[in-house]
C-alpha atoms as a PDB file:
ATOM      1  CA  MET A   1      36.247  33.589  52.402  1.00  0.00           C
ATOM      2  CA  ALA A   2      33.231  35.284  50.834  1.00  0.00           C
ATOM      3  CA  GLY A   3      33.812  35.633  47.115  1.00  0.00           C
ATOM      4  CA  PRO A   4      31.778  37.174  44.283  1.00  0.00           C
ATOM      5  CA  LEU A   5      28.260  36.001  43.452  1.00  0.00           C
ATOM      6  CA  ARG A   6      27.153  35.342  39.890  1.00  0.00           C
ATOM      7  CA  ILE A   7      23.439  35.176  39.091  1.00  0.00           C
ATOM      8  CA  GLY A   8      22.794  34.558  35.424  1.00  0.00           C
ATOM      9  CA  ASN A   9      24.836  37.069  33.441  1.00  0.00           C
ATOM     10  CA  HIS A  10      25.299  39.393  36.397  1.00  0.00           C
ATOM     11  CA  GLU A  11      28.059  39.331  38.985  1.00  0.00           C
ATOM     12  CA  VAL A  12      28.422  41.284  42.212  1.00  0.00           C
ATOM     13  CA  ARG A  13      31.549  41.635  44.307  1.00  0.00           C
ATOM     14  CA  TYR A  14      29.959  40.239  47.461  1.00  0.00           C
ATOM     15  CA  PRO A  15      27.561  37.270  47.901  1.00  0.00           C
ATOM     16  CA  LEU A  16      24.698  39.313  49.289  1.00  0.00           C
ATOM     17  CA  ILE A  17      21.197  40.043  48.061  1.00  0.00           C
ATOM     18  CA  GLN A  18      19.227  42.694  49.902  1.00  0.00           C
ATOM     19  CA  GLY A  19      15.795  41.283  50.655  1.00  0.00           C
ATOM     20  CA  GLY A  20      12.709  42.940  49.240  1.00  0.00           C
ATOM     21  CA  MET A  21      10.646  44.723  51.903  1.00  0.00           C
ATOM     22  CA  GLY A  22       7.267  45.764  50.564  1.00  0.00           C
ATOM     23  CA  VAL A  23       5.310  49.006  50.705  1.00  0.00           C
ATOM     24  CA  ARG A  24       8.379  51.185  50.221  1.00  0.00           C
ATOM     25  CA  ILE A  25      10.688  49.911  52.968  1.00  0.00           C
ATOM     26  CA  SER A  26      13.178  48.868  50.296  1.00  0.00           C
ATOM     27  CA  GLY A  27      12.760  51.487  47.601  1.00  0.00           C
ATOM     28  CA  TRP A  28      15.228  53.214  45.318  1.00  0.00           C
ATOM     29  CA  ARG A  29      17.476  54.621  48.026  1.00  0.00           C
ATOM     30  CA  LEU A  30      18.193  51.347  49.825  1.00  0.00           C
ATOM     31  CA  ALA A  31      18.413  49.232  46.669  1.00  0.00           C
ATOM     32  CA  GLY A  32      20.707  51.747  45.006  1.00  0.00           C
ATOM     33  CA  HIS A  33      23.134  51.943  47.906  1.00  0.00           C
ATOM     34  CA  VAL A  34      23.283  48.170  48.376  1.00  0.00           C
ATOM     35  CA  ALA A  35      24.144  47.834  44.687  1.00  0.00           C
ATOM     36  CA  LYS A  36      26.700  50.637  44.985  1.00  0.00           C
ATOM     37  CA  SER A  37      28.355  48.800  47.891  1.00  0.00           C
ATOM     38  CA  GLY A  38      28.741  45.596  45.877  1.00  0.00           C
ATOM     39  CA  GLY A  39      25.604  43.559  46.524  1.00  0.00           C
ATOM     40  CA  VAL A  40      22.325  42.968  44.685  1.00  0.00           C
ATOM     41  CA  GLY A  41      19.848  45.732  45.548  1.00  0.00           C
ATOM     42  CA  LEU A  42      16.145  44.950  45.302  1.00  0.00           C
ATOM     43  CA  VAL A  43      13.209  47.329  45.004  1.00  0.00           C
ATOM     44  CA  ALA A  44      10.093  45.693  46.473  1.00  0.00           C
ATOM     45  CA  ALA A  45       7.176  46.014  44.051  1.00  0.00           C
ATOM     46  CA  ALA A  46       4.370  45.513  46.579  1.00  0.00           C
ATOM     47  CA  GLY A  47       2.640  48.820  47.294  1.00  0.00           C
ATOM     48  CA  ILE A  48       5.273  50.739  45.350  1.00  0.00           C
ATOM     49  CA  SER A  49       2.879  53.446  44.124  1.00  0.00           C
ATOM     50  CA  LEU A  50       1.947  54.526  47.661  1.00  0.00           C
ATOM     51  CA  ASN A  51       3.769  57.704  48.670  1.00  0.00           C
ATOM     52  CA  SER A  52       5.344  57.820  45.204  1.00  0.00           C
ATOM     53  CA  GLY A  53       3.724  61.020  43.981  1.00  0.00           C
ATOM     54  CA  LEU A  54       1.720  59.078  41.394  1.00  0.00           C
ATOM     55  CA  PHE A  55      -0.993  57.623  43.633  1.00  0.00           C
ATOM     56  CA  THR A  56      -4.081  59.845  43.909  1.00  0.00           C
ATOM     57  CA  GLY A  57      -6.164  57.585  46.141  1.00  0.00           C
ATOM     58  CA  HIS A  58      -8.059  55.749  43.410  1.00  0.00           C
ATOM     59  CA  ASN A  59      -5.480  54.571  40.861  1.00  0.00           C
ATOM     60  CA  PHE A  60      -3.330  52.097  42.827  1.00  0.00           C
ATOM     61  CA  LEU A  61      -3.125  49.287  40.263  1.00  0.00           C
ATOM     62  CA  GLN A  62      -3.010  51.663  37.321  1.00  0.00           C
ATOM     63  CA  VAL A  63       0.102  53.533  38.450  1.00  0.00           C
ATOM     64  CA  ASN A  64       2.022  50.696  40.124  1.00  0.00           C
ATOM     65  CA  PRO A  65       3.972  49.793  36.944  1.00  0.00           C
ATOM     66  CA  GLU A  66       5.066  53.379  36.306  1.00  0.00           C
ATOM     67  CA  ALA A  67       5.918  53.830  39.992  1.00  0.00           C
ATOM     68  CA  LEU A  68       8.135  50.737  39.808  1.00  0.00           C
ATOM     69  CA  LYS A  69       9.956  52.016  36.733  1.00  0.00           C
ATOM     70  CA  GLN A  70      10.374  55.393  38.428  1.00  0.00           C
ATOM     71  CA  GLU A  71      11.915  53.671  41.453  1.00  0.00           C
ATOM     72  CA  LEU A  72      14.349  51.726  39.287  1.00  0.00           C
ATOM     73  CA  ARG A  73      15.445  54.910  37.487  1.00  0.00           C
ATOM     74  CA  LYS A  74      16.243  56.554  40.805  1.00  0.00           C
ATOM     75  CA  ALA A  75      18.107  53.491  42.046  1.00  0.00           C
ATOM     76  CA  TYR A  76      20.304  53.463  38.952  1.00  0.00           C
ATOM     77  CA  GLU A  77      21.142  57.121  39.543  1.00  0.00           C
ATOM     78  CA  VAL A  78      22.762  55.978  42.801  1.00  0.00           C
ATOM     79  CA  ALA A  79      24.498  52.950  41.239  1.00  0.00           C
ATOM     80  CA  PRO A  80      24.631  53.314  37.426  1.00  0.00           C
ATOM     81  CA  ASP A  81      26.645  50.111  37.006  1.00  0.00           C
ATOM     82  CA  GLY A  82      25.133  48.204  39.926  1.00  0.00           C
ATOM     83  CA  VAL A  83      23.072  45.031  39.887  1.00  0.00           C
ATOM     84  CA  ILE A  84      19.583  46.240  40.767  1.00  0.00           C
ATOM     85  CA  GLY A  85      16.502  44.084  40.660  1.00  0.00           C
ATOM     86  CA  VAL A  86      12.933  43.782  41.849  1.00  0.00           C
ATOM     87  CA  ASN A  87      11.151  41.586  44.369  1.00  0.00           C
ATOM     88  CA  ILE A  88       7.627  40.786  43.138  1.00  0.00           C
ATOM     89  CA  MET A  89       5.111  38.741  45.134  1.00  0.00           C
ATOM     90  CA  VAL A  90       3.280  36.193  42.997  1.00  0.00           C
ATOM     91  CA  ALA A  91       0.244  36.856  45.208  1.00  0.00           C
ATOM     92  CA  LEU A  92      -0.128  40.421  43.893  1.00  0.00           C
ATOM     93  CA  SER A  93      -3.112  40.953  41.615  1.00  0.00           C
ATOM     94  CA  ASP A  94      -0.961  42.957  39.178  1.00  0.00           C
ATOM     95  CA  TYR A  95       1.939  40.493  39.276  1.00  0.00           C
ATOM     96  CA  GLU A  96       2.162  40.124  35.501  1.00  0.00           C
ATOM     97  CA  ALA A  97       2.064  43.886  34.886  1.00  0.00           C
ATOM     98  CA  LEU A  98       4.786  44.429  37.493  1.00  0.00           C
ATOM     99  CA  VAL A  99       7.031  41.799  35.914  1.00  0.00           C
ATOM    100  CA  LYS A 100       6.638  43.571  32.577  1.00  0.00           C
ATOM    101  CA  ALA A 101       7.381  46.931  34.195  1.00  0.00           C
ATOM    102  CA  ALA A 102      10.462  45.512  35.929  1.00  0.00           C
ATOM    103  CA  VAL A 103      11.892  44.390  32.591  1.00  0.00           C
ATOM    104  CA  GLU A 104      11.059  47.724  30.947  1.00  0.00           C
ATOM    105  CA  GLY A 105      12.608  49.569  33.881  1.00  0.00           C
ATOM    106  CA  GLY A 106      15.932  47.804  33.517  1.00  0.00           C
ATOM    107  CA  ALA A 107      15.806  45.326  36.407  1.00  0.00           C
ATOM    108  CA  LYS A 108      18.695  42.892  36.069  1.00  0.00           C
ATOM    109  CA  VAL A 109      17.212  40.400  38.526  1.00  0.00           C
ATOM    110  CA  ILE A 110      13.608  39.468  39.331  1.00  0.00           C
ATOM    111  CA  VAL A 111      13.046  37.673  42.651  1.00  0.00           C
ATOM    112  CA  CYS A 112       9.612  36.155  43.261  1.00  0.00           C
ATOM    113  CA  GLY A 113       8.048  34.724  46.422  1.00  0.00           C
ATOM    114  CA  ALA A 114       4.637  34.479  48.119  1.00  0.00           C
ATOM    115  CA  GLY A 115       3.628  31.832  45.615  1.00  0.00           C
ATOM    116  CA  LEU A 116       5.332  29.736  42.945  1.00  0.00           C
ATOM    117  CA  PRO A 117       6.300  31.818  39.859  1.00  0.00           C
ATOM    118  CA  MET A 118       5.484  29.096  37.342  1.00  0.00           C
ATOM    119  CA  THR A 119       5.043  31.427  34.344  1.00  0.00           C
ATOM    120  CA  LEU A 120       7.904  33.835  35.059  1.00  0.00           C
ATOM    121  CA  PRO A 121      10.073  32.630  32.129  1.00  0.00           C
ATOM    122  CA  GLU A 122       7.163  33.161  29.746  1.00  0.00           C
ATOM    123  CA  LEU A 123       6.602  36.697  31.012  1.00  0.00           C
ATOM    124  CA  THR A 124      10.297  37.535  30.520  1.00  0.00           C
ATOM    125  CA  ALA A 125      11.050  35.517  27.380  1.00  0.00           C
ATOM    126  CA  HIS A 126      11.829  38.720  25.466  1.00  0.00           C
ATOM    127  CA  ALA A 127      14.509  39.643  28.027  1.00  0.00           C
ATOM    128  CA  PRO A 128      16.785  36.602  28.451  1.00  0.00           C
ATOM    129  CA  ASP A 129      19.467  38.596  30.285  1.00  0.00           C
ATOM    130  CA  VAL A 130      17.142  39.252  33.227  1.00  0.00           C
ATOM    131  CA  ALA A 131      18.041  36.751  35.945  1.00  0.00           C
ATOM    132  CA  LEU A 132      15.067  34.869  37.405  1.00  0.00           C
ATOM    133  CA  VAL A 133      15.157  33.857  41.066  1.00  0.00           C
ATOM    134  CA  PRO A 134      12.307  32.102  42.922  1.00  0.00           C
ATOM    135  CA  ILE A 135      11.987  32.088  46.721  1.00  0.00           C
ATOM    136  CA  VAL A 136      11.161  28.710  48.260  1.00  0.00           C
ATOM    137  CA  SER A 137      11.216  27.016  51.654  1.00  0.00           C
ATOM    138  CA  SER A 138      11.395  23.379  50.524  1.00  0.00           C
ATOM    139  CA  VAL A 139      13.209  21.104  48.105  1.00  0.00           C
ATOM    140  CA  ARG A 140       9.826  20.096  46.688  1.00  0.00           C
ATOM    141  CA  ALA A 141       8.928  23.677  45.718  1.00  0.00           C
ATOM    142  CA  ALA A 142      12.297  24.118  43.960  1.00  0.00           C
ATOM    143  CA  GLN A 143      11.755  20.850  42.084  1.00  0.00           C
ATOM    144  CA  LEU A 144       8.273  21.852  40.916  1.00  0.00           C
ATOM    145  CA  ILE A 145       9.513  25.200  39.625  1.00  0.00           C
ATOM    146  CA  ALA A 146      12.594  23.781  37.919  1.00  0.00           C
ATOM    147  CA  LYS A 147      10.705  20.986  36.158  1.00  0.00           C
ATOM    148  CA  LYS A 148       7.981  23.355  34.962  1.00  0.00           C
ATOM    149  CA  TRP A 149      10.489  25.923  33.723  1.00  0.00           C
ATOM    150  CA  GLU A 150      12.725  23.400  31.989  1.00  0.00           C
ATOM    151  CA  LYS A 151       9.901  21.501  30.307  1.00  0.00           C
ATOM    152  CA  GLY A 152       7.800  24.524  29.358  1.00  0.00           C
ATOM    153  CA  TYR A 153      10.442  27.138  28.630  1.00  0.00           C
ATOM    154  CA  GLY A 154      13.814  25.391  28.384  1.00  0.00           C
ATOM    155  CA  ARG A 155      15.119  27.425  31.289  1.00  0.00           C
ATOM    156  CA  LEU A 156      16.185  26.865  34.885  1.00  0.00           C
ATOM    157  CA  PRO A 157      16.294  29.400  37.721  1.00  0.00           C
ATOM    158  CA  ASP A 158      19.437  31.533  37.717  1.00  0.00           C
ATOM    159  CA  ALA A 159      19.510  31.203  41.510  1.00  0.00           C
ATOM    160  CA  VAL A 160      17.155  30.063  44.265  1.00  0.00           C
ATOM    161  CA  VAL A 161      16.539  31.901  47.534  1.00  0.00           C
ATOM    162  CA  VAL A 162      15.748  29.504  50.388  1.00  0.00           C
ATOM    163  CA  GLU A 163      13.824  31.274  53.150  1.00  0.00           C
ATOM    164  CA  ASP A 164      13.861  29.970  56.712  1.00  0.00           C
ATOM    165  CA  PRO A 165      10.280  30.440  58.006  1.00  0.00           C
ATOM    166  CA  ASP A 166      11.520  30.132  61.588  1.00  0.00           C
ATOM    167  CA  THR A 167      13.574  33.337  61.339  1.00  0.00           C
ATOM    168  CA  ALA A 168      12.579  35.397  58.283  1.00  0.00           C
ATOM    169  CA  GLY A 169      10.489  38.546  58.448  1.00  0.00           C
ATOM    170  CA  GLY A 170       7.345  39.571  56.601  1.00  0.00           C
ATOM    171  CA  HIS A 171       5.144  37.079  54.783  1.00  0.00           C
ATOM    172  CA  LEU A 172       6.304  33.477  55.158  1.00  0.00           C
ATOM    173  CA  GLY A 173       5.813  30.559  52.804  1.00  0.00           C
ATOM    174  CA  GLU A 174       4.807  28.022  55.439  1.00  0.00           C
ATOM    175  CA  LYS A 175       1.712  27.093  57.413  1.00  0.00           C
ATOM    176  CA  MET A 176       1.403  28.815  60.779  1.00  0.00           C
ATOM    177  CA  GLU A 177       1.320  25.531  62.705  1.00  0.00           C
ATOM    178  CA  ASN A 178       4.609  24.377  61.166  1.00  0.00           C
ATOM    179  CA  ILE A 179       6.629  27.456  62.125  1.00  0.00           C
ATOM    180  CA  GLY A 180       8.816  27.286  65.204  1.00  0.00           C
ATOM    181  CA  THR A 181       8.364  23.571  65.820  1.00  0.00           C
ATOM    182  CA  GLY A 182      12.069  22.838  65.362  1.00  0.00           C
ATOM    183  CA  SER A 183      11.349  20.496  62.464  1.00  0.00           C
ATOM    184  CA  TYR A 184      12.619  22.779  59.691  1.00  0.00           C
ATOM    185  CA  ASP A 185      16.208  22.171  58.556  1.00  0.00           C
ATOM    186  CA  HIS A 186      17.225  25.315  56.707  1.00  0.00           C
ATOM    187  CA  TYR A 187      20.687  24.304  55.621  1.00  0.00           C
ATOM    188  CA  GLY A 188      19.597  20.757  54.925  1.00  0.00           C
ATOM    189  CA  THR A 189      17.055  22.244  52.503  1.00  0.00           C
ATOM    190  CA  ILE A 190      19.745  24.384  50.873  1.00  0.00           C
ATOM    191  CA  ARG A 191      22.025  21.391  50.352  1.00  0.00           C
ATOM    192  CA  GLY A 192      19.101  19.312  49.100  1.00  0.00           C
ATOM    193  CA  ILE A 193      18.259  21.906  46.444  1.00  0.00           C
ATOM    194  CA  LYS A 194      21.883  22.154  45.318  1.00  0.00           C
ATOM    195  CA  GLU A 195      22.085  18.365  45.069  1.00  0.00           C
ATOM    196  CA  PHE A 196      18.843  18.235  43.069  1.00  0.00           C
ATOM    197  CA  PHE A 197      20.065  20.639  40.374  1.00  0.00           C
ATOM    198  CA  GLN A 198      23.398  18.835  40.111  1.00  0.00           C
ATOM    199  CA  ALA A 199      21.843  15.366  39.909  1.00  0.00           C
ATOM    200  CA  GLU A 200      18.868  16.259  37.688  1.00  0.00           C
ATOM    201  CA  TYR A 201      20.449  18.779  35.316  1.00  0.00           C
ATOM    202  CA  GLY A 202      24.203  18.593  35.896  1.00  0.00           C
ATOM    203  CA  ARG A 203      24.097  22.247  36.824  1.00  0.00           C
ATOM    204  CA  SER A 204      25.409  24.204  39.770  1.00  0.00           C
ATOM    205  CA  VAL A 205      22.688  26.756  40.544  1.00  0.00           C
ATOM    206  CA  PRO A 206      23.502  29.359  43.233  1.00  0.00           C
ATOM    207  CA  VAL A 207      21.393  28.814  46.339  1.00  0.00           C
ATOM    208  CA  ILE A 208      20.944  31.764  48.691  1.00  0.00           C
ATOM    209  CA  ALA A 209      20.246  31.486  52.429  1.00  0.00           C
ATOM    210  CA  ALA A 210      17.559  33.877  53.696  1.00  0.00           C
ATOM    211  CA  GLY A 211      16.212  34.434  57.193  1.00  0.00           C
ATOM    212  CA  GLY A 212      18.036  35.365  60.375  1.00  0.00           C
ATOM    213  CA  ILE A 213      21.203  36.638  58.660  1.00  0.00           C
ATOM    214  CA  TRP A 214      22.456  39.527  60.782  1.00  0.00           C
ATOM    215  CA  ASP A 215      26.248  39.637  61.098  1.00  0.00           C
ATOM    216  CA  ARG A 216      29.475  38.203  59.721  1.00  0.00           C
ATOM    217  CA  SER A 217      29.226  35.050  61.817  1.00  0.00           C
ATOM    218  CA  ASP A 218      25.785  34.351  60.278  1.00  0.00           C
ATOM    219  CA  LEU A 219      27.221  34.964  56.808  1.00  0.00           C
ATOM    220  CA  LEU A 220      30.190  32.658  57.339  1.00  0.00           C
ATOM    221  CA  ARG A 221      28.003  29.935  58.792  1.00  0.00           C
ATOM    222  CA  ALA A 222      25.677  30.086  55.772  1.00  0.00           C
ATOM    223  CA  LEU A 223      28.619  29.768  53.388  1.00  0.00           C
ATOM    224  CA  ALA A 224      30.153  26.949  55.442  1.00  0.00           C
ATOM    225  CA  GLU A 225      26.812  25.087  55.400  1.00  0.00           C
ATOM    226  CA  GLY A 226      26.704  25.113  51.612  1.00  0.00           C
ATOM    227  CA  ALA A 227      24.950  28.359  50.649  1.00  0.00           C
ATOM    228  CA  ASP A 228      26.451  30.394  47.809  1.00  0.00           C
ATOM    229  CA  GLY A 229      25.334  33.686  49.339  1.00  0.00           C
ATOM    230  CA  VAL A 230      22.874  35.267  51.737  1.00  0.00           C
ATOM    231  CA  GLN A 231      19.800  37.439  51.519  1.00  0.00           C
ATOM    232  CA  MET A 232      19.593  40.082  54.226  1.00  0.00           C
ATOM    233  CA  ALA A 233      16.638  42.384  54.885  1.00  0.00           C
ATOM    234  CA  SER A 234      16.014  43.400  58.501  1.00  0.00           C
ATOM    235  CA  ARG A 235      19.634  44.424  59.060  1.00  0.00           C
ATOM    236  CA  PHE A 236      19.233  47.152  56.422  1.00  0.00           C
ATOM    237  CA  VAL A 237      16.170  48.771  58.030  1.00  0.00           C
ATOM    238  CA  PRO A 238      18.044  50.791  60.702  1.00  0.00           C
ATOM    239  CA  THR A 239      20.228  52.501  58.107  1.00  0.00           C
ATOM    240  CA  VAL A 240      20.358  56.063  56.877  1.00  0.00           C
ATOM    241  CA  GLU A 241      19.506  54.840  53.382  1.00  0.00           C
ATOM    242  CA  CYS A 242      16.442  52.734  54.214  1.00  0.00           C
ATOM    243  CA  ASP A 243      13.391  54.283  52.551  1.00  0.00           C
ATOM    244  CA  ALA A 244      11.167  54.038  55.647  1.00  0.00           C
ATOM    245  CA  ASP A 245      10.391  56.917  58.001  1.00  0.00           C
ATOM    246  CA  ASP A 246      12.753  57.429  60.949  1.00  0.00           C
ATOM    247  CA  ALA A 247      10.011  56.291  63.341  1.00  0.00           C
ATOM    248  CA  TYR A 248       9.961  52.912  61.578  1.00  0.00           C
ATOM    249  CA  LYS A 249      13.695  52.548  62.089  1.00  0.00           C
ATOM    250  CA  GLN A 250      13.346  53.546  65.749  1.00  0.00           C
ATOM    251  CA  ALA A 251      10.792  50.757  66.197  1.00  0.00           C
ATOM    252  CA  TYR A 252      13.596  48.318  65.438  1.00  0.00           C
ATOM    253  CA  LEU A 253      15.926  50.008  67.899  1.00  0.00           C
ATOM    254  CA  GLN A 254      13.312  49.958  70.651  1.00  0.00           C
ATOM    255  CA  CYS A 255      11.853  46.483  70.189  1.00  0.00           C
ATOM    256  CA  ARG A 256      12.694  43.599  72.493  1.00  0.00           C
ATOM    257  CA  GLN A 257      13.150  40.000  71.445  1.00  0.00           C
ATOM    258  CA  GLU A 258       9.809  39.073  73.032  1.00  0.00           C
ATOM    259  CA  ASP A 259       8.019  41.778  70.989  1.00  0.00           C
ATOM    260  CA  ILE A 260       8.608  39.859  67.748  1.00  0.00           C
ATOM    261  CA  GLY A 261       6.068  37.225  66.772  1.00  0.00           C
ATOM    262  CA  LEU A 262       3.660  35.857  64.182  1.00  0.00           C
ATOM    263  CA  ILE A 263       0.367  37.177  62.862  1.00  0.00           C
ATOM    264  CA  MET A 264      -2.007  35.760  60.285  1.00  0.00           C
ATOM    265  CA  SER A 265      -2.039  38.196  57.389  1.00  0.00           C
ATOM    266  CA  PRO A 266      -5.166  38.868  55.307  1.00  0.00           C
ATOM    267  CA  ALA A 267      -2.956  37.706  52.438  1.00  0.00           C
ATOM    268  CA  GLY A 268      -3.533  34.182  53.744  1.00  0.00           C
ATOM    269  CA  LEU A 269       0.066  33.782  54.890  1.00  0.00           C
ATOM    270  CA  PRO A 270       1.694  33.982  58.313  1.00  0.00           C
ATOM    271  CA  GLY A 271       3.799  37.062  58.853  1.00  0.00           C
ATOM    272  CA  ARG A 272       6.518  37.962  61.355  1.00  0.00           C
ATOM    273  CA  ALA A 273       6.361  41.446  62.837  1.00  0.00           C
ATOM    274  CA  ILE A 274       6.774  43.602  65.921  1.00  0.00           C
ATOM    275  CA  LEU A 275       3.555  42.834  67.813  1.00  0.00           C
ATOM    276  CA  SER A 276       3.692  45.301  70.716  1.00  0.00           C
ATOM    277  CA  ASN A 277       0.899  47.271  69.001  1.00  0.00           C
ATOM    278  CA  GLN A 278      -1.007  44.249  67.648  1.00  0.00           C
ATOM    279  CA  GLU A 279      -4.427  45.250  69.005  1.00  0.00           C
ATOM    280  CA  LYS A 280      -4.229  48.755  67.541  1.00  0.00           C
ATOM    281  CA  ILE A 281      -3.744  47.581  63.954  1.00  0.00           C
ATOM    282  CA  PRO A 282      -7.284  46.224  63.331  1.00  0.00           C
ATOM    283  CA  LEU A 283      -8.743  48.823  65.708  1.00  0.00           C
ATOM    284  CA  TYR A 284      -7.559  51.586  63.366  1.00  0.00           C
ATOM    285  CA  ASP A 285      -9.559  50.107  60.491  1.00  0.00           C
ATOM    286  CA  GLU A 286     -12.600  49.619  62.719  1.00  0.00           C
ATOM    287  CA  ILE A 287     -12.584  53.208  64.004  1.00  0.00           C
ATOM    288  CA  ASN A 288     -11.866  54.756  60.621  1.00  0.00           C
ATOM    289  CA  GLY A 289     -14.119  52.516  58.553  1.00  0.00           C
ATOM    290  CA  THR A 290     -11.243  51.465  56.328  1.00  0.00           C
ATOM    291  CA  THR A 291     -12.406  49.707  53.182  1.00  0.00           C
ATOM    292  CA  CYS A 292     -10.502  47.465  50.806  1.00  0.00           C
ATOM    293  CA  GLY A 293     -10.262  49.774  47.820  1.00  0.00           C
ATOM    294  CA  ASN A 294      -6.980  48.832  46.159  1.00  0.00           C
ATOM    295  CA  GLY A 295      -7.490  45.158  45.294  1.00  0.00           C
ATOM    296  CA  CYS A 296      -3.768  44.588  45.678  1.00  0.00           C
ATOM    297  CA  LEU A 297      -3.908  40.816  46.279  1.00  0.00           C
ATOM    298  CA  LYS A 298      -5.309  38.003  44.153  1.00  0.00           C
ATOM    299  CA  LYS A 299      -6.772  36.483  47.314  1.00  0.00           C
ATOM    300  CA  CYS A 300      -7.410  38.480  50.488  1.00  0.00           C
ATOM    301  CA  SER A 301      -9.354  37.463  53.580  1.00  0.00           C
ATOM    302  CA  TYR A 302      -9.769  41.074  54.728  1.00  0.00           C
ATOM    303  CA  LYS A 303     -13.560  40.956  54.740  1.00  0.00           C
ATOM    304  CA  GLU A 304     -13.779  37.525  56.356  1.00  0.00           C
ATOM    305  CA  SER A 305     -11.001  37.906  58.935  1.00  0.00           C
ATOM    306  CA  GLY A 306     -12.053  38.130  62.576  1.00  0.00           C
ATOM    307  CA  GLU A 307      -9.433  40.762  63.403  1.00  0.00           C
ATOM    308  CA  ARG A 308      -9.833  42.396  60.032  1.00  0.00           C
ATOM    309  CA  PHE A 309      -7.360  44.919  58.764  1.00  0.00           C
ATOM    310  CA  CYS A 310      -6.107  46.030  55.386  1.00  0.00           C
ATOM    311  CA  ILE A 311      -2.544  44.716  55.119  1.00  0.00           C
ATOM    312  CA  VAL A 312      -1.287  47.284  52.601  1.00  0.00           C
ATOM    313  CA  SER A 313      -2.835  50.169  54.540  1.00  0.00           C
ATOM    314  CA  ALA A 314      -1.292  48.941  57.812  1.00  0.00           C
ATOM    315  CA  LEU A 315       2.140  48.570  56.220  1.00  0.00           C
ATOM    316  CA  ASP A 316       1.850  51.950  54.518  1.00  0.00           C
ATOM    317  CA  ARG A 317       1.000  53.722  57.785  1.00  0.00           C
ATOM    318  CA  ALA A 318       4.056  52.252  59.451  1.00  0.00           C
ATOM    319  CA  GLN A 319       6.328  53.144  56.531  1.00  0.00           C
ATOM    320  CA  ARG A 320       5.156  56.764  56.791  1.00  0.00           C
ATOM    321  CA  GLY A 321       5.917  56.841  60.518  1.00  0.00           C
ATOM    322  CA  ASP A 322       2.692  55.766  62.244  1.00  0.00           C
ATOM    323  CA  VAL A 323       4.169  52.853  64.147  1.00  0.00           C
ATOM    324  CA  GLU A 324       1.423  53.104  66.771  1.00  0.00           C
ATOM    325  CA  THR A 325      -1.299  51.749  64.474  1.00  0.00           C
ATOM    326  CA  GLY A 326       0.803  50.519  61.546  1.00  0.00           C
ATOM    327  CA  LEU A 327       2.325  47.086  60.967  1.00  0.00           C
ATOM    328  CA  VAL A 328       6.109  46.767  61.264  1.00  0.00           C
ATOM    329  CA  PHE A 329       7.386  43.584  59.640  1.00  0.00           C
ATOM    330  CA  CYS A 330      10.749  42.225  60.785  1.00  0.00           C
ATOM    331  CA  GLY A 331      12.858  39.111  61.167  1.00  0.00           C
ATOM    332  CA  THR A 332      13.610  37.370  64.460  1.00  0.00           C
ATOM    333  CA  ASN A 333      16.884  39.261  64.917  1.00  0.00           C
ATOM    334  CA  ALA A 334      15.528  42.808  64.550  1.00  0.00           C
ATOM    335  CA  TRP A 335      15.904  43.294  68.312  1.00  0.00           C
ATOM    336  CA  LYS A 336      19.678  43.210  67.826  1.00  0.00           C
ATOM    337  CA  ALA A 337      19.597  46.631  66.157  1.00  0.00           C
ATOM    338  CA  ASP A 338      21.244  49.142  68.493  1.00  0.00           C
ATOM    339  CA  ARG A 339      21.991  52.139  66.298  1.00  0.00           C
ATOM    340  CA  ILE A 340      21.320  53.780  62.941  1.00  0.00           C
ATOM    341  CA  THR A 341      24.182  52.895  60.647  1.00  0.00           C
ATOM    342  CA  THR A 342      24.822  53.045  56.883  1.00  0.00           C
ATOM    343  CA  VAL A 343      24.706  50.443  54.158  1.00  0.00           C
ATOM    344  CA  GLN A 344      28.434  50.820  53.545  1.00  0.00           C
ATOM    345  CA  GLU A 345      29.222  50.279  57.224  1.00  0.00           C
ATOM    346  CA  ILE A 346      27.276  47.000  57.135  1.00  0.00           C
ATOM    347  CA  PHE A 347      29.278  45.846  54.123  1.00  0.00           C
ATOM    348  CA  ASP A 348      32.483  46.904  55.873  1.00  0.00           C
ATOM    349  CA  GLU A 349      31.578  44.696  58.825  1.00  0.00           C
ATOM    350  CA  LEU A 350      30.373  41.717  56.813  1.00  0.00           C
ATOM    351  CA  PHE A 351      33.219  41.656  54.314  1.00  0.00           C
ATOM    352  CA  ALA A 352      36.118  43.293  56.180  1.00  0.00           C
ATOM    353  CA  GLU A 353      38.663  40.604  55.297  1.00  0.00           C
ATOM    354  CA  GLU A 354      37.587  40.495  51.655  1.00  0.00           C
ATOM    355  CA  MET A 355      37.905  44.284  51.366  1.00  0.00           C
ATOM    356  CA  ALA A 356      41.360  44.503  52.944  1.00  0.00           C
ATOM    357  CA  PRO A 357      43.446  43.231  49.971  1.00  0.00           C
ATOM    358  CA  ALA A 358      41.718  45.631  47.567  1.00  0.00           C
ATOM    359  CA  GLU A 359      42.282  48.549  49.928  1.00  0.00           C
ATOM    360  CA  GLU A 360      45.951  47.630  50.457  1.00  0.00           C
ATOM    361  CA  ALA A 361      46.501  47.386  46.712  1.00  0.00           C
ATOM    362  CA  ALA A 362      44.955  50.839  46.285  1.00  0.00           C
END
């Protein structure tokens, strides 16, 4: 049975975190409805000012914090009592400012990946009720974070998301040559992290399985293998509430399993996406003379890359509906999408047996 999930001081009815999907794929609408349905809803901070009404073309970093707070306000209008948080990539150049904005905007959970969030407790020391959740893909990364946090700040993660690089979508925390070799043991890593916290600190820290979670059988397997909950992202894209354009959602419905693969992102990380338009993505920048004007990443190989393209521009085009030249990130199971559904319908499917007693009592 899938019971409640407690992360720090916050508890949700169902053990599900909605994954953060950057450049406005998971904005206020999706995060709010996931929280309303009984999960943890996450607004992705990356590229949040684009298409927000605040971005004028030259003030990307300046308005990102206010755009994030605006998004959180809207999400809480959907789910006033819900558990709503923010996903913030450590690799973002305005990472610290976005963490501050997340706290000011009322985020109850901050999830950080694309780098190790070593200073996150320091940045949030004035807000101890905000749950802090790193994303890792190895026991070693979880150990490094925990030891740094405990020694430097007297705090441990409130939960840990363990991402499977062989199945997850978007930017992946593993070297390209190590992905898909069959050597990665996702659930072994999850159990190893749980055992580490218990042995080292005598604490049971919730560990969340991420990557490839699509249906109830995936959920039940994750729980049976030792995970305390799941993070799900791609499944929520073909929903009415997803913040992306309808064309983006249709790309999921139309893609085939063989269309999904890996690219090397200018962010310096591998990424999993729909690659049927792969050649058109850098060609757009070449034809239009796209320049790197936003400085969104601490390190970006845009200028040095052979097939150069601006990652945030490519993701933004796709989110707005240009799936011909834009980049559509997804997990390995995106091809399973066969219809546009709703967030509540997904929860109904995933947690049908858990919902039944409450409905009968009503």
